[in-house]
């Protein structure tokens, strides 16, 4: 929270959070879906500081979109039906692979 305050997040109009960089070496003990954990944490911290800020977030795994939503329910819906994806606030990098294949 202190880093966000120093970055003057309260003055921001929009924010962009880039996902995990695949060129960096991460411990192989981590579950692949855990690679989005830092992105999710940053998203939650920004929303706590400024709830109405529009945040574009890049996720590596579509299943992690549930962690970004305020009212998480136990029903599993496809990410395309989530309000965050529909509003353009979530970018899922694997979609590009699907479109170009």
Protein backbone atom coordinates (compact mmCIF):
# COMPACT_ATOMS: atom_id res chain seq x y z
CA UNK A 1 0.00 0.00 0.00
CA UNK A 2 2.87 2.35 0.78
CA UNK A 3 4.38 1.83 -2.68
CA UNK A 4 1.03 2.64 -4.28
CA UNK A 5 0.74 5.81 -2.22
CA UNK A 6 4.26 6.87 -3.25
CA UNK A 7 3.30 6.20 -6.88
CA UNK A 8 0.33 8.52 -6.25
CA UNK A 9 -2.29 5.94 -7.24
CA UNK A 10 -4.95 8.31 -5.88
CA UNK A 11 -4.22 10.62 -8.84
CA UNK A 12 -4.36 7.85 -11.44
CA UNK A 13 -7.01 7.75 -14.12
CA UNK A 14 -6.28 4.17 -15.20
CA UNK A 15 -3.78 1.44 -14.34
CA UNK A 16 -2.24 -1.47 -16.24
CA UNK A 17 -0.83 -4.56 -14.55
CA UNK A 18 1.35 -6.79 -16.69
CA UNK A 19 1.38 -10.49 -15.93
CA UNK A 20 4.21 -12.88 -15.26
CA UNK A 21 7.27 -12.54 -17.50
CA UNK A 22 7.97 -16.01 -18.91
CA UNK A 23 11.64 -15.15 -19.49
CA UNK A 24 12.34 -14.92 -15.76
CA UNK A 25 13.28 -18.07 -13.92
CA UNK A 26 10.74 -19.05 -11.30
CA UNK A 27 10.95 -22.01 -9.00
CA UNK A 28 9.59 -25.11 -10.73
CA UNK A 29 7.90 -26.02 -7.45
CA UNK A 30 5.24 -23.37 -8.08
CA UNK A 31 2.00 -24.48 -9.62
CA UNK A 32 1.59 -22.76 -12.99
CA UNK A 33 -1.63 -21.08 -11.88
CA UNK A 34 0.25 -19.51 -8.95
CA UNK A 35 2.22 -17.38 -11.41
CA UNK A 36 -0.74 -14.96 -11.46
CA UNK A 37 -0.67 -14.57 -7.67
CA UNK A 38 1.43 -11.40 -7.70
CA UNK A 39 -0.77 -9.84 -10.39
CA UNK A 40 -3.89 -10.66 -8.37
CA UNK A 41 -2.32 -9.21 -5.22
CA UNK A 42 -1.44 -5.95 -6.99
CA UNK A 43 -4.95 -5.71 -8.48
CA UNK A 44 -6.54 -6.16 -5.04
CA UNK A 45 -4.20 -3.57 -3.48
CA UNK A 46 -5.00 -1.00 -6.17
CA UNK A 47 -8.75 -1.59 -5.81
CA UNK A 48 -8.43 -1.20 -2.04
CA UNK A 49 -6.74 2.20 -2.47
CA UNK A 50 -9.03 3.42 -5.24
CA UNK A 51 -12.07 1.18 -5.83
CA UNK A 52 -13.40 3.01 -8.90
CA UNK A 53 -10.13 2.99 -10.84
CA UNK A 54 -10.22 1.16 -14.17
CA UNK A 55 -7.48 -1.47 -14.09
CA UNK A 56 -6.38 -3.55 -17.09
CA UNK A 57 -4.92 -6.79 -15.81
CA UNK A 58 -3.01 -9.44 -17.75
CA UNK A 59 -3.52 -13.00 -16.53
CA UNK A 60 -1.76 -16.10 -17.74
CA UNK A 61 -4.57 -18.47 -16.77
CA UNK A 62 -8.24 -17.78 -17.35
CA UNK A 63 -9.22 -19.77 -14.26
CA UNK A 64 -7.66 -17.07 -12.06
CA UNK A 65 -10.21 -14.44 -13.09
CA UNK A 66 -12.40 -15.66 -10.21
CA UNK A 67 -9.86 -14.27 -7.73
CA UNK A 68 -10.28 -10.75 -9.13
CA UNK A 69 -14.04 -10.60 -8.71
CA UNK A 70 -15.55 -9.08 -5.60
CA UNK A 71 -18.36 -11.56 -5.12
CA UNK A 72 -16.77 -14.90 -5.81
CA UNK A 73 -19.17 -17.79 -5.90
CA UNK A 74 -18.41 -21.47 -6.07
CA UNK A 75 -20.02 -21.91 -9.46
CA UNK A 76 -17.43 -22.14 -12.17
CA UNK A 77 -18.33 -19.99 -15.14
CA UNK A 78 -16.24 -19.49 -18.22
CA UNK A 79 -14.08 -16.40 -18.14
CA UNK A 80 -15.82 -14.97 -21.23
CA UNK A 81 -18.97 -14.55 -19.15
CA UNK A 82 -17.34 -12.62 -16.31
CA UNK A 83 -18.09 -8.93 -15.95
CA UNK A 84 -14.38 -8.02 -15.75
CA UNK A 85 -13.60 -9.70 -19.07
CA UNK A 86 -16.66 -8.14 -20.72
CA UNK A 87 -15.63 -4.68 -19.47
CA UNK A 88 -12.14 -5.10 -20.95
CA UNK A 89 -10.41 -5.08 -17.58
CA UNK A 90 -8.83 -8.52 -18.01
CA UNK A 91 -6.53 -9.65 -20.79
CA UNK A 92 -5.81 -13.38 -20.98
CA UNK A 93 -2.60 -14.02 -22.86
CA UNK A 94 -3.60 -17.51 -24.01
CA UNK A 95 -6.42 -16.00 -26.12
CA UNK A 96 -3.87 -14.70 -28.62
CA UNK A 97 -2.56 -18.26 -29.06
CA UNK A 98 -6.09 -19.44 -29.77
CA UNK A 99 -6.77 -16.66 -32.28
CA UNK A 100 -3.55 -17.16 -34.20
CA UNK A 101 -3.75 -20.95 -34.36
